[in-house]
Protein backbone atom coordinates (compact mmCIF):
# COMPACT_ATOMS: atom_id res chain seq x y z
CA UNK A 1 -12.05 10.16 -1.39
CA UNK A 2 -9.37 12.60 -2.25
CA UNK A 3 -9.73 15.37 0.21
CA UNK A 4 -10.20 12.37 2.90
CA UNK A 5 -6.68 11.60 1.33
CA UNK A 6 -5.38 15.07 2.04
CA UNK A 7 -6.73 15.77 5.95
CA UNK A 8 -5.52 12.03 6.56
CA UNK A 9 -2.09 13.30 5.41
CA UNK A 10 -2.34 16.58 6.95
CA UNK A 11 -1.91 18.56 3.91
CA UNK A 12 1.89 17.90 3.88
CA UNK A 13 3.23 18.37 0.22
CA UNK A 14 5.07 15.42 -0.55
CA UNK A 15 2.44 12.52 1.17
CA UNK A 16 -0.58 14.15 -0.72
CA UNK A 17 1.43 14.17 -3.83
CA UNK A 18 2.34 10.71 -3.52
CA UNK A 19 -1.31 9.27 -2.42
CA UNK A 20 -2.88 11.53 -5.35
CA UNK A 21 -0.67 10.46 -7.78
CA UNK A 22 -1.47 6.60 -6.76
CA UNK A 23 -5.04 7.74 -7.25
CA UNK A 24 -5.18 9.23 -10.59
CA UNK A 25 -2.86 6.04 -11.78
CA UNK A 26 -5.20 3.49 -10.14
CA UNK A 27 -7.84 5.34 -11.87
CA UNK A 28 -6.03 5.01 -15.27
CA UNK A 29 -5.37 1.56 -14.21
CA UNK A 30 -9.31 0.31 -14.01
CA UNK A 31 -10.56 2.58 -16.76
CA UNK A 32 -7.86 1.24 -18.95
CA UNK A 33 -9.27 -2.53 -18.90
CA UNK A 34 -12.75 -1.41 -19.72
CA UNK A 35 -12.25 -0.29 -23.31
CA UNK A 36 -9.34 -0.78 -25.37
CA UNK A 37 -9.54 3.10 -26.65
CA UNK A 38 -8.92 3.87 -23.28
CA UNK A 39 -5.52 3.00 -23.52
CA UNK A 40 -4.82 5.85 -25.65
CA UNK A 41 -4.64 8.49 -22.88
CA UNK A 42 -4.59 5.94 -19.77
CA UNK A 43 -0.99 4.39 -20.72
CA UNK A 44 0.58 7.22 -21.19
CA UNK A 45 -0.16 8.96 -17.53
CA UNK A 46 0.71 5.04 -16.22
CA UNK A 47 4.00 5.55 -17.64
CA UNK A 48 4.44 8.78 -16.40
CA UNK A 49 3.90 7.69 -12.97
CA UNK A 50 5.96 5.17 -12.89
CA UNK A 51 8.76 7.63 -13.68
CA UNK A 52 7.73 10.16 -11.43
CA UNK A 53 7.17 7.95 -8.67
CA UNK A 54 10.21 5.76 -8.62
CA UNK A 55 12.81 8.61 -9.87
CA UNK A 56 11.40 11.64 -8.35
CA UNK A 57 9.62 10.34 -4.86
CA UNK A 58 11.62 7.09 -4.51
CA UNK A 59 8.38 4.63 -4.04
CA UNK A 60 6.69 2.40 -6.15
CA UNK A 61 2.99 1.89 -5.51
CA UNK A 62 1.87 -0.40 -8.02
CA UNK A 63 -1.57 1.37 -10.10
CA UNK A 64 -3.39 -1.66 -9.85
CA UNK A 65 -3.12 -2.34 -5.76
CA UNK A 66 -6.34 -1.42 -4.43
CA UNK A 67 -6.14 0.71 -1.28
CA UNK A 68 -9.31 2.21 0.58
CA UNK A 69 -9.97 5.66 1.82
CA UNK A 70 -7.70 7.57 4.24
CA UNK A 71 -4.64 6.14 2.85
CA UNK A 72 -1.84 7.88 4.82
CA UNK A 73 2.38 7.81 4.16
CA UNK A 74 4.46 9.31 6.53
CA UNK A 75 8.17 9.41 5.18
CA UNK A 76 7.26 7.50 1.84
CA UNK A 77 10.95 6.79 0.50
CA UNK A 78 11.64 3.22 -0.61
CA UNK A 79 7.88 2.12 -0.43
CA UNK A 80 6.67 -0.89 -2.36
CA UNK A 81 3.77 -2.41 -2.90
CA UNK A 82 2.38 -5.09 -5.36
CA UNK A 83 -0.24 -4.91 -7.53
CA UNK A 84 -2.06 -7.61 -6.41
CA UNK A 85 -2.36 -5.80 -2.76
CA UNK A 86 -5.66 -5.26 -1.78
CA UNK A 87 -5.81 -3.29 1.40
CA UNK A 88 -9.07 -1.07 3.59
CA UNK A 89 -9.86 2.14 4.85
CA UNK A 90 -7.28 3.99 7.19
CA UNK A 91 -4.21 2.43 5.78
CA UNK A 92 -1.10 3.96 7.55
CA UNK A 93 2.59 3.30 6.46
CA UNK A 94 5.90 4.33 7.10
CA UNK A 95 9.08 4.25 5.00
CA UNK A 96 10.48 1.04 3.67
CA UNK A 97 7.71 -0.86 3.74
CA UNK A 98 7.31 -3.96 1.03
CA UNK A 99 3.94 -5.76 0.76
CA UNK A 100 4.23 -8.24 -2.00
CA UNK A 101 3.81 -11.88 -3.15
CA UNK A 102 6.74 -14.82 -2.31
CA UNK A 103 8.02 -15.34 -5.32
CA UNK A 104 7.34 -15.95 -9.18
CA UNK A 105 5.76 -19.25 -8.70
CA UNK A 106 2.80 -17.78 -5.91
CA UNK A 107 1.33 -14.33 -6.71
CA UNK A 108 -0.87 -14.00 -4.11
CA UNK A 109 -0.43 -11.31 -1.84
CA UNK A 110 -1.49 -9.86 1.58
CA UNK A 111 -5.15 -8.87 2.37
CA UNK A 112 -5.37 -6.00 4.54
CA UNK A 113 -8.28 -5.25 6.85
CA UNK A 114 -9.32 -1.46 7.75
CA UNK A 115 -7.40 0.51 10.30
CA UNK A 116 -4.34 -1.35 10.03
CA UNK A 117 -0.83 0.53 10.79
CA UNK A 118 2.73 -0.47 9.49
CA UNK A 119 5.77 0.77 11.01
CA UNK A 120 9.24 1.63 9.06
CA UNK A 121 10.99 -1.09 7.46
CA UNK A 122 7.74 -4.05 7.99
CA UNK A 123 7.69 -6.64 5.37
CA UNK A 124 4.86 -8.43 4.48
CA UNK A 125 4.85 -11.26 2.55
CA UNK A 126 2.91 -13.59 0.84
CA UNK A 127 -1.34 -15.00 0.45
CA UNK A 128 -1.42 -13.50 4.42
CA UNK A 129 -4.99 -12.01 5.55
CA UNK A 130 -4.30 -8.78 8.15
CA UNK A 131 -7.23 -8.23 10.40
CA UNK A 132 -8.99 -4.88 11.77
CA UNK A 133 -7.52 -2.84 14.24
CA UNK A 134 -3.61 -4.14 13.61
CA UNK A 135 -0.64 -2.37 14.45
CA UNK A 136 2.76 -4.31 13.19
CA UNK A 137 5.67 -2.83 14.92
CA UNK A 138 8.93 -1.49 13.08
CA UNK A 139 11.19 -4.22 11.29
CA UNK A 140 8.57 -6.86 11.54
CA UNK A 141 8.48 -9.46 8.99
CA UNK A 142 4.87 -11.05 8.68
CA UNK A 143 4.57 -14.30 7.15
CA UNK A 144 1.51 -15.77 8.92
CA UNK A 145 -2.25 -14.17 8.83
CA UNK A 146 -2.88 -11.90 11.99
CA UNK A 147 -6.35 -11.67 13.60
CA UNK A 148 -8.04 -8.55 14.42
CA UNK A 149 -7.23 -5.95 17.40
CA UNK A 150 -3.52 -7.18 17.46
CA UNK A 151 -0.05 -5.88 18.10
CA UNK A 152 2.72 -7.82 16.19
CA UNK A 153 6.14 -7.22 16.60
CA UNK A 154 9.42 -9.39 15.96
CA UNK A 155 11.73 -10.54 13.17
CA UNK A 156 9.43 -13.23 11.99
CA UNK A 157 6.46 -11.38 13.39
CA UNK A 158 4.42 -13.19 16.09
CA UNK A 159 1.17 -12.04 17.76
CA UNK A 160 2.32 -10.68 21.15
CA UNK A 161 -1.05 -8.86 22.49
CA UNK A 162 -4.94 -8.78 21.48
CA UNK A 163 -6.53 -5.34 22.02
């Protein structure tokens, strides 16, 4: 999986470091929950992950988020992904993408299908489902579910074209 991620990011140093550090932190997050003794080694790694990603790289992909194979990041500054997000394979994001919940009273986050591409400054919030083979245009705000094979654009995103 790590080699697939690096190939998907064209072996560019910064995106590869971002994705690999997420993969290591996700591994620690999963194993930490399996046994209390795993906290001895996993907790310090997760704290270091938060410090490095927020201070050095300028993004926040929480370690508990579940992202499939071939995760690609283009210009990943200001990316925020909530820990309850589930994304499929071939997930591509650009800078300033925010994926999360709508507030403290609703912790549900988007469920994202395979082969989804998010443009710059995309915001996806709430308990929504994004289908497979979806492209979301730059600057879109997605608050409603999106069907498979769709192109989504606009301030409050609406489906314009089904591929």
